[in-house]
Amino acid sequence: MDRFGTEEKPPAPTGDDRESLKIWYLVAALVLMLMIYALPTPSPFERNGNVIELTEAGKACIAILAFAIVLWVTEAIPFAVTSLFVVILIFVLKITDYRTAVSVGFGDPIITFFIGVLILSAAFSRSGLGVRLAYYILLRVGNRTDRVILGFLVVGAMLSMWITDMAVAAILLPLGTGLLKDAKLKPLKSNFGKALMISCAWGPLFGGIATPAGCGPNLIAIGYLKGLAQTDISFLKWMS
């Protein structure tokens, strides 16, 4: 405390302090990975007649996962760079070879489909087509607040059936905030503003489960059902 009895706030970290802290996080992630990788492999044990064994490759996977989690949580480096490090470490620690990783991972049709959805989402955003469709529908709902909120929900649900829900939310959010600014509503004071912001998120969320293209978890679920339950779900079957 100072002489007036008020508590002194600690100085905010400077840019150099943050950079040095990120370096320490990176070092900690590397040390943790090496410690886990250097641990002795546990002996196999039997349960219900099944022999459960942790192989060297499995232990290496755990080490890489710990490395990635530390970097993701601390944000020491960008998420995408961490993911690239994971891919490189898979080859360095000899968990699998390059051809197998590419054919099984990146060659999966689910991944290819998801890349196509992301490209389509980027095209909608960059071309302004999503904004024009949103304006077209919103101009026809009138000026009543309940209809405006319903319009945002409907637009979000319809667009997110064909492009990713996060891309749709990114399209609707500037429209919603612009509408609130034009109405000169104070932030956090208007119930209409709160409801409108919620509709910008929940509309795409509702439509995102309608088709496989709506969000990534839909495609992951289709992949798991095909691999574990030998059940093929087509695009139309998912919608039905």
Protein backbone atom coordinates (compact mmCIF):
# COMPACT_ATOMS: atom_id res chain seq x y z
CA MET A 1 0.00 0.00 0.00
CA ASP A 2 1.04 3.60 -0.53
CA ARG A 3 0.84 6.36 2.09
CA PHE A 4 -2.82 7.03 1.25
CA GLY A 5 -3.81 3.46 2.13
CA THR A 6 -4.57 2.34 -1.42
CA GLU A 7 -3.16 -0.82 -2.89
CA GLU A 8 -0.57 -0.42 -5.57
CA LYS A 9 -1.20 -2.44 -8.72
CA PRO A 10 1.71 -4.50 -10.02
CA PRO A 11 3.19 -3.13 -13.23
CA ALA A 12 1.77 -4.62 -16.41
CA PRO A 13 4.14 -6.99 -18.22
CA THR A 14 5.99 -5.39 -21.09
CA GLY A 15 6.42 -6.88 -24.53
CA ASP A 16 9.84 -8.26 -23.64
CA ASP A 17 8.44 -9.91 -20.51
CA ARG A 18 5.69 -11.61 -22.51
CA GLU A 19 8.15 -12.86 -25.10
CA SER A 20 10.48 -14.29 -22.45
CA LEU A 21 7.49 -15.92 -20.74
CA LYS A 22 6.50 -17.58 -24.03
CA ILE A 23 10.03 -18.93 -24.39
CA TRP A 24 9.82 -20.44 -20.91
CA TYR A 25 6.47 -22.04 -21.78
CA LEU A 26 8.02 -23.54 -24.91
CA VAL A 27 10.96 -24.89 -22.91
CA ALA A 28 8.57 -26.33 -20.30
CA ALA A 29 6.57 -28.08 -23.03
CA LEU A 30 9.74 -29.60 -24.50
CA VAL A 31 10.98 -30.74 -21.07
CA LEU A 32 7.62 -32.31 -20.24
CA MET A 33 7.55 -34.16 -23.57
CA LEU A 34 11.09 -35.49 -23.10
CA MET A 35 10.37 -36.55 -19.51
CA ILE A 36 7.31 -38.55 -20.55
CA TYR A 37 9.16 -40.06 -23.51
CA ALA A 38 12.09 -41.07 -21.27
CA LEU A 39 9.88 -42.85 -18.73
CA PRO A 40 10.09 -46.65 -18.79
CA THR A 41 7.29 -48.37 -20.65
CA PRO A 42 4.90 -50.01 -18.15
CA SER A 43 4.50 -53.76 -18.20
CA PRO A 44 1.39 -55.14 -19.92
CA PHE A 45 -1.45 -56.32 -17.73
CA GLU A 46 -4.49 -58.50 -18.28
CA ARG A 47 -8.08 -57.51 -17.64
CA ASN A 48 -11.16 -59.56 -18.50
CA GLY A 49 -9.02 -61.86 -20.59
CA ASN A 50 -7.60 -59.01 -22.68
CA VAL A 51 -3.92 -58.06 -22.56
CA ILE A 52 -3.52 -54.28 -22.34
CA GLU A 53 -0.13 -52.96 -23.35
CA LEU A 54 1.30 -49.48 -23.84
CA THR A 55 3.76 -49.58 -26.71
CA GLU A 56 6.65 -47.21 -27.36
CA ALA A 57 4.59 -45.53 -30.06
CA GLY A 58 1.71 -45.06 -27.63
CA LYS A 59 4.02 -43.51 -25.04
CA ALA A 60 5.41 -41.18 -27.71
CA CYS A 61 1.86 -40.12 -28.60
CA ILE A 62 1.18 -39.24 -24.95
CA ALA A 63 4.39 -37.20 -24.84
CA ILE A 64 3.45 -35.28 -28.00
CA LEU A 65 -0.08 -34.69 -26.67
CA ALA A 66 1.31 -33.23 -23.43
CA PHE A 67 3.63 -30.99 -25.47
CA ALA A 68 0.74 -29.73 -27.60
CA ILE A 69 -1.61 -29.16 -24.64
CA VAL A 70 0.95 -26.97 -22.84
CA LEU A 71 1.46 -24.83 -25.94
CA TRP A 72 -2.26 -24.59 -26.70
CA VAL A 73 -3.17 -23.59 -23.14
CA THR A 74 -0.35 -21.07 -22.71
CA GLU A 75 -0.58 -19.78 -26.32
CA ALA A 76 3.20 -19.59 -26.41
CA ILE A 77 3.06 -20.00 -30.18
CA PRO A 78 0.09 -19.85 -32.59
CA PHE A 79 -2.25 -22.85 -32.62
CA ALA A 80 -1.47 -23.66 -36.25
CA VAL A 81 2.28 -23.69 -35.60
CA THR A 82 1.76 -26.06 -32.66
CA SER A 83 -0.20 -28.39 -34.93
CA LEU A 84 2.64 -28.36 -37.47
CA PHE A 85 5.08 -29.21 -34.67
CA VAL A 86 2.87 -32.19 -33.78
CA VAL A 87 3.00 -33.47 -37.36
CA ILE A 88 6.79 -33.14 -37.43
CA LEU A 89 7.22 -34.84 -34.05
CA ILE A 90 5.14 -37.80 -35.21
CA PHE A 91 7.80 -38.50 -37.82
CA VAL A 92 10.76 -37.61 -35.58
CA LEU A 93 9.66 -40.02 -32.85
CA LYS A 94 8.92 -42.67 -35.49
CA ILE A 95 5.30 -43.20 -34.53
CA THR A 96 4.42 -43.76 -38.17
CA ASP A 97 5.92 -43.10 -41.58
CA TYR A 98 5.09 -40.17 -43.83
CA ARG A 99 3.07 -42.10 -46.41
CA THR A 100 0.86 -43.76 -43.82
CA ALA A 101 0.18 -40.47 -42.04
CA VAL A 102 -0.77 -38.72 -45.27
CA SER A 103 -2.90 -41.55 -46.64
CA VAL A 104 -4.75 -42.27 -43.39
CA GLY A 105 -4.95 -38.70 -42.11
CA PHE A 106 -5.03 -36.13 -44.89
CA GLY A 107 -6.28 -38.67 -47.42
CA ASP A 108 -9.43 -39.36 -45.42
CA PRO A 109 -12.53 -38.36 -47.44
CA ILE A 110 -13.98 -36.63 -44.36
CA ILE A 111 -10.95 -34.32 -44.23
CA THR A 112 -11.23 -33.64 -47.96
CA PHE A 113 -14.92 -32.80 -47.61
CA PHE A 114 -14.24 -30.51 -44.65
CA ILE A 115 -11.55 -28.65 -46.61
CA GLY A 116 -14.11 -28.11 -49.38
CA VAL A 117 -16.62 -26.73 -46.86
CA LEU A 118 -14.01 -24.32 -45.50
CA ILE A 119 -13.18 -23.14 -49.03
CA LEU A 120 -16.88 -22.57 -49.72
CA SER A 121 -17.21 -20.66 -46.43
CA ALA A 122 -14.26 -18.44 -47.36
CA ALA A 123 -15.83 -17.77 -50.77
CA PHE A 124 -19.12 -16.74 -49.14
CA SER A 125 -17.31 -14.37 -46.79
CA ARG A 126 -14.89 -12.81 -49.29
CA SER A 127 -17.43 -12.37 -52.09
CA GLY A 128 -20.04 -10.76 -49.84
CA LEU A 129 -22.70 -13.23 -50.98
CA GLY A 130 -23.54 -14.17 -47.40
CA VAL A 131 -24.04 -10.52 -46.44
CA ARG A 132 -26.28 -9.90 -49.47
CA LEU A 133 -28.43 -12.92 -48.65
CA ALA A 134 -28.70 -11.75 -45.05
CA TYR A 135 -29.75 -8.23 -46.13
CA TYR A 136 -32.27 -9.68 -48.60
CA ILE A 137 -34.06 -11.61 -45.87
CA LEU A 138 -33.75 -8.97 -43.15
CA LEU A 139 -35.25 -6.27 -45.38
CA ARG A 140 -38.43 -8.35 -45.57
CA VAL A 141 -38.96 -8.95 -41.86
CA GLY A 142 -39.92 -5.36 -41.07
CA ASN A 143 -38.93 -3.12 -38.18
CA ARG A 144 -40.51 -5.03 -35.30
CA THR A 145 -37.88 -6.19 -32.85
CA ASP A 146 -39.25 -9.72 -32.57
CA ARG A 147 -39.24 -10.12 -36.36
CA VAL A 148 -35.70 -8.77 -36.61
CA ILE A 149 -34.50 -11.32 -34.07
CA LEU A 150 -36.43 -14.06 -35.87
CA GLY A 151 -34.87 -12.91 -39.15
CA PHE A 152 -31.35 -13.23 -37.74
CA LEU A 153 -32.17 -16.69 -36.41
CA VAL A 154 -33.59 -17.81 -39.77
CA VAL A 155 -30.71 -16.35 -41.79
CA GLY A 156 -28.16 -17.94 -39.48
CA ALA A 157 -29.86 -21.32 -39.63
CA MET A 158 -30.26 -21.29 -43.41
CA LEU A 159 -26.69 -20.22 -44.18
CA SER A 160 -25.07 -22.57 -41.68
CA MET A 161 -26.70 -25.55 -43.38
CA TRP A 162 -24.23 -25.12 -46.26
CA ILE A 163 -21.20 -23.35 -44.78
CA THR A 164 -19.61 -23.66 -41.35
CA ASP A 165 -21.55 -22.16 -38.46
CA MET A 166 -18.59 -20.09 -37.25
CA ALA A 167 -18.31 -18.42 -40.66
CA VAL A 168 -22.02 -17.57 -40.56
CA ALA A 169 -21.69 -16.10 -37.08
CA ALA A 170 -18.79 -13.99 -38.35
CA ILE A 171 -21.05 -12.73 -41.16
CA LEU A 172 -24.03 -11.91 -38.91
CA LEU A 173 -22.18 -10.30 -36.00
CA PRO A 174 -21.09 -7.14 -37.89
CA LEU A 175 -24.64 -6.78 -39.24
CA GLY A 176 -26.06 -7.02 -35.73
CA THR A 177 -23.61 -4.57 -34.18
CA GLY A 178 -24.14 -2.15 -37.07
CA LEU A 179 -27.89 -2.31 -36.55
CA LEU A 180 -27.52 -1.58 -32.83
CA LYS A 181 -25.20 1.37 -33.52
CA ASP A 182 -27.66 2.84 -36.03
CA ALA A 183 -30.41 2.53 -33.41
CA LYS A 184 -28.09 4.31 -30.91
CA LEU A 185 -28.63 1.68 -28.25
CA LYS A 186 -26.24 1.66 -25.31
CA PRO A 187 -24.13 -1.49 -24.89
CA LEU A 188 -25.33 -3.90 -22.16
CA LYS A 189 -28.40 -1.73 -21.53
CA SER A 190 -30.83 -2.93 -24.21
CA ASN A 191 -32.63 -6.26 -23.96
CA PHE A 192 -33.12 -6.14 -27.73
CA GLY A 193 -29.36 -5.82 -28.19
CA LYS A 194 -28.70 -8.79 -25.93
CA ALA A 195 -31.28 -10.91 -27.74
CA LEU A 196 -29.88 -9.88 -31.12
CA MET A 197 -26.33 -10.88 -30.16
CA ILE A 198 -27.61 -14.22 -28.89
CA SER A 199 -29.47 -14.80 -32.16
CA CYS A 200 -26.26 -14.12 -34.13
CA ALA A 201 -24.73 -17.13 -32.38
CA TRP A 202 -27.67 -19.46 -31.85
CA GLY A 203 -29.10 -19.19 -35.36
CA PRO A 204 -25.96 -20.67 -36.96
CA LEU A 205 -25.77 -23.21 -34.15
CA PHE A 206 -29.28 -24.47 -34.90
CA GLY A 207 -28.64 -24.78 -38.62
CA GLY A 208 -25.19 -26.26 -38.13
CA ILE A 209 -26.59 -29.62 -37.09
CA ALA A 210 -28.98 -29.86 -40.05
CA THR A 211 -26.39 -31.01 -42.62
CA PRO A 212 -22.92 -32.60 -42.49
CA ALA A 213 -21.47 -29.37 -43.88
CA GLY A 214 -22.76 -27.31 -40.97
CA CYS A 215 -19.88 -27.91 -38.57
CA GLY A 216 -16.85 -30.10 -38.05
CA PRO A 217 -18.28 -32.38 -35.32
CA ASN A 218 -20.91 -33.61 -37.80
CA LEU A 219 -18.20 -34.92 -40.10
CA ILE A 220 -16.27 -36.43 -37.19
CA ALA A 221 -19.43 -38.24 -36.05
CA ILE A 222 -19.97 -39.62 -39.57
CA GLY A 223 -16.37 -40.84 -39.63
CA TYR A 224 -16.68 -42.56 -36.25
CA LEU A 225 -19.97 -44.22 -37.21
CA LYS A 226 -18.39 -45.54 -40.40
CA GLY A 227 -15.22 -46.77 -38.71
CA LEU A 228 -16.66 -48.19 -35.48
CA ALA A 229 -20.21 -49.19 -36.39
CA GLN A 230 -19.81 -49.79 -40.15
CA THR A 231 -22.71 -47.41 -40.75
CA ASP A 232 -22.61 -45.15 -43.80
CA ILE A 233 -24.63 -41.95 -43.49
CA SER A 234 -25.15 -39.97 -46.68
CA PHE A 235 -25.80 -36.24 -46.91
CA LEU A 236 -29.54 -36.70 -47.45
CA LYS A 237 -29.81 -39.41 -44.80
CA TRP A 238 -28.28 -37.06 -42.23
CA MET A 239 -30.82 -34.37 -43.14
CA SER A 240 -33.72 -36.79 -42.82
